[in-house]
Amino acid sequence: MPQLSARTLRFAFAAVAGPALAVGIAAPAANAAELTPVAKYVDHNVSDTEHEVGGALDSVGLEAAE
């Protein structure tokens, strides 16, 4: 199985960990109205990352696990 580059792994980690950290720090003092934009941002980034990873797996002939 081909290895993903370190740059790709760092990007994927940053795309998920950065917003998650922001929510974790802000969540105790935030209400739902303040968290909704952050949740939408995280959802969008995770969706994009999953799409890119799926495309990369398809391009090398592998299938993503469900």
N, C-alpha and C. Protein backbone atom coordinates (compact mmCIF):
# COMPACT_ATOMS: atom_id res chain seq x y z
N MET A 1 0.84 -1.17 0.00
CA MET A 1 0.00 0.00 0.00
C MET A 1 0.89 1.24 0.00
N PRO A 2 0.63 2.19 -0.89
CA PRO A 2 1.46 3.41 -0.95
C PRO A 2 1.31 4.24 0.33
N GLN A 3 2.40 4.82 0.75
CA GLN A 3 2.40 5.67 1.94
C GLN A 3 1.95 7.08 1.57
N LEU A 4 1.14 7.68 2.44
CA LEU A 4 0.77 9.08 2.26
C LEU A 4 1.96 9.93 2.68
N SER A 5 2.15 11.04 2.03
CA SER A 5 3.28 11.90 2.36
C SER A 5 3.06 12.54 3.73
N ALA A 6 4.14 12.91 4.35
CA ALA A 6 4.06 13.56 5.66
C ALA A 6 3.31 14.88 5.55
N ARG A 7 3.48 15.57 4.43
CA ARG A 7 2.78 16.84 4.23
C ARG A 7 1.27 16.63 4.20
N THR A 8 0.81 15.58 3.52
CA THR A 8 -0.62 15.28 3.44
C THR A 8 -1.16 14.94 4.81
N LEU A 9 -0.42 14.14 5.57
CA LEU A 9 -0.87 13.78 6.91
C LEU A 9 -0.94 14.99 7.83
N ARG A 10 0.06 15.88 7.74
CA ARG A 10 0.03 17.10 8.56
C ARG A 10 -1.16 17.97 8.19
N PHE A 11 -1.44 18.09 6.89
CA PHE A 11 -2.58 18.89 6.43
C PHE A 11 -3.89 18.30 6.96
N ALA A 12 -4.05 17.00 6.85
CA ALA A 12 -5.28 16.35 7.33
C ALA A 12 -5.43 16.54 8.83
N PHE A 13 -4.33 16.38 9.57
CA PHE A 13 -4.39 16.57 11.02
C PHE A 13 -4.76 18.01 11.37
N ALA A 14 -4.15 18.97 10.70
CA ALA A 14 -4.42 20.38 10.98
C ALA A 14 -5.86 20.75 10.62
N ALA A 15 -6.38 20.16 9.55
CA ALA A 15 -7.75 20.46 9.12
C ALA A 15 -8.76 20.03 10.16
N VAL A 16 -8.46 18.98 10.91
CA VAL A 16 -9.39 18.48 11.93
C VAL A 16 -9.03 18.99 13.31
N ALA A 17 -7.75 18.99 13.66
CA ALA A 17 -7.34 19.33 15.02
C ALA A 17 -7.47 20.81 15.33
N GLY A 18 -7.17 21.67 14.38
CA GLY A 18 -7.25 23.12 14.63
C GLY A 18 -8.64 23.57 15.04
N PRO A 19 -9.64 23.32 14.21
CA PRO A 19 -11.00 23.71 14.59
C PRO A 19 -11.50 22.97 15.84
N ALA A 20 -11.13 21.71 16.00
CA ALA A 20 -11.55 20.97 17.18
C ALA A 20 -10.97 21.59 18.45
N LEU A 21 -9.73 22.03 18.39
CA LEU A 21 -9.11 22.70 19.53
C LEU A 21 -9.82 24.01 19.82
N ALA A 22 -10.16 24.76 18.78
CA ALA A 22 -10.87 26.02 18.98
C ALA A 22 -12.21 25.79 19.65
N VAL A 23 -12.91 24.77 19.25
CA VAL A 23 -14.21 24.45 19.87
C VAL A 23 -14.00 24.01 21.31
N GLY A 24 -12.99 23.20 21.56
CA GLY A 24 -12.72 22.74 22.91
C GLY A 24 -12.38 23.85 23.87
N ILE A 25 -11.71 24.87 23.39
CA ILE A 25 -11.36 26.01 24.24
C ILE A 25 -12.57 26.92 24.43
N ALA A 26 -13.35 27.12 23.38
CA ALA A 26 -14.46 28.05 23.44
C ALA A 26 -15.74 27.44 24.00
N ALA A 27 -15.89 26.14 23.92
CA ALA A 27 -17.16 25.48 24.27
C ALA A 27 -17.67 25.76 25.68
N PRO A 28 -16.82 25.76 26.70
CA PRO A 28 -17.37 25.96 28.05
C PRO A 28 -18.07 27.32 28.23
N ALA A 29 -17.66 28.33 27.50
CA ALA A 29 -18.24 29.66 27.67
C ALA A 29 -19.15 30.04 26.52
N ALA A 30 -19.37 29.17 25.58
CA ALA A 30 -20.14 29.53 24.39
C ALA A 30 -21.53 28.92 24.43
N ASN A 31 -22.45 29.58 23.76
CA ASN A 31 -23.78 29.00 23.61
C ASN A 31 -23.94 28.46 22.20
N ALA A 32 -25.08 27.87 21.91
CA ALA A 32 -25.28 27.21 20.62
C ALA A 32 -25.16 28.18 19.44
N ALA A 33 -25.63 29.40 19.61
CA ALA A 33 -25.58 30.37 18.52
C ALA A 33 -24.14 30.73 18.16
N GLU A 34 -23.26 30.73 19.16
CA GLU A 34 -21.86 31.04 18.90
C GLU A 34 -21.11 29.86 18.28
N LEU A 35 -21.55 28.64 18.59
CA LEU A 35 -20.86 27.45 18.09
C LEU A 35 -21.32 27.00 16.71
N THR A 36 -22.49 27.44 16.28
CA THR A 36 -23.01 26.99 14.99
C THR A 36 -22.07 27.30 13.83
N PRO A 37 -21.52 28.52 13.70
CA PRO A 37 -20.60 28.77 12.60
C PRO A 37 -19.34 27.90 12.67
N VAL A 38 -18.86 27.65 13.87
CA VAL A 38 -17.67 26.82 14.04
C VAL A 38 -17.99 25.38 13.64
N ALA A 39 -19.15 24.89 14.04
CA ALA A 39 -19.55 23.53 13.69
C ALA A 39 -19.70 23.38 12.18
N LYS A 40 -20.25 24.39 11.52
CA LYS A 40 -20.39 24.34 10.07
C LYS A 40 -19.01 24.33 9.41
N TYR A 41 -18.09 25.13 9.94
CA TYR A 41 -16.73 25.18 9.40
C TYR A 41 -16.04 23.82 9.53
N VAL A 42 -16.14 23.22 10.73
CA VAL A 42 -15.53 21.91 10.97
C VAL A 42 -16.16 20.86 10.05
N ASP A 43 -17.49 20.89 9.93
CA ASP A 43 -18.18 19.93 9.08
C ASP A 43 -17.73 20.06 7.62
N HIS A 44 -17.60 21.29 7.17
CA HIS A 44 -17.18 21.53 5.79
C HIS A 44 -15.74 21.03 5.56
N ASN A 45 -14.85 21.32 6.50
CA ASN A 45 -13.45 20.90 6.35
C ASN A 45 -13.30 19.39 6.42
N VAL A 46 -14.03 18.75 7.33
CA VAL A 46 -13.96 17.29 7.43
C VAL A 46 -14.50 16.66 6.16
N SER A 47 -15.60 17.21 5.65
CA SER A 47 -16.18 16.70 4.41
C SER A 47 -15.20 16.83 3.25
N ASP A 48 -14.57 18.00 3.13
CA ASP A 48 -13.58 18.21 2.07
C ASP A 48 -12.40 17.26 2.20
N THR A 49 -11.93 17.07 3.43
CA THR A 49 -10.79 16.18 3.66
C THR A 49 -11.15 14.74 3.31
N GLU A 50 -12.35 14.30 3.71
CA GLU A 50 -12.79 12.95 3.37
C GLU A 50 -12.88 12.78 1.85
N HIS A 51 -13.36 13.81 1.18
CA HIS A 51 -13.47 13.75 -0.28
C HIS A 51 -12.10 13.64 -0.93
N GLU A 52 -11.14 14.43 -0.45
CA GLU A 52 -9.79 14.40 -1.00
C GLU A 52 -9.11 13.06 -0.73
N VAL A 53 -9.28 12.52 0.47
CA VAL A 53 -8.69 11.23 0.79
C VAL A 53 -9.33 10.14 -0.06
N GLY A 54 -10.64 10.20 -0.22
CA GLY A 54 -11.33 9.23 -1.07
C GLY A 54 -10.84 9.29 -2.50
N GLY A 55 -10.64 10.50 -3.01
CA GLY A 55 -10.11 10.66 -4.37
C GLY A 55 -8.71 10.11 -4.49
N ALA A 56 -7.89 10.33 -3.47
CA ALA A 56 -6.52 9.81 -3.49
C ALA A 56 -6.52 8.28 -3.47
N LEU A 57 -7.40 7.70 -2.66
CA LEU A 57 -7.49 6.24 -2.61
C LEU A 57 -7.97 5.68 -3.94
N ASP A 58 -8.95 6.35 -4.54
CA ASP A 58 -9.45 5.91 -5.85
C ASP A 58 -8.35 5.98 -6.90
N SER A 59 -7.53 7.02 -6.85
CA SER A 59 -6.50 7.20 -7.87
C SER A 59 -5.41 6.13 -7.80
N VAL A 60 -5.22 5.55 -6.62
CA VAL A 60 -4.22 4.48 -6.50
C VAL A 60 -4.87 3.10 -6.54
N GLY A 61 -6.19 3.06 -6.76
CA GLY A 61 -6.89 1.79 -6.93
C GLY A 61 -7.31 1.11 -5.65
N LEU A 62 -7.41 1.86 -4.57
CA LEU A 62 -7.84 1.29 -3.30
C LEU A 62 -9.26 1.74 -2.97
N GLU A 63 -9.91 1.00 -2.08
CA GLU A 63 -11.24 1.38 -1.64
C GLU A 63 -11.17 1.83 -0.18
N ALA A 64 -11.95 2.82 0.15
CA ALA A 64 -12.02 3.30 1.53
C ALA A 64 -12.85 2.31 2.36
N ALA A 65 -12.46 2.10 3.61
CA ALA A 65 -13.23 1.24 4.51
C ALA A 65 -14.48 1.97 4.95
N GLU A 66 -15.53 1.22 5.13
CA GLU A 66 -16.78 1.84 5.59
C GLU A 66 -17.01 1.54 7.03
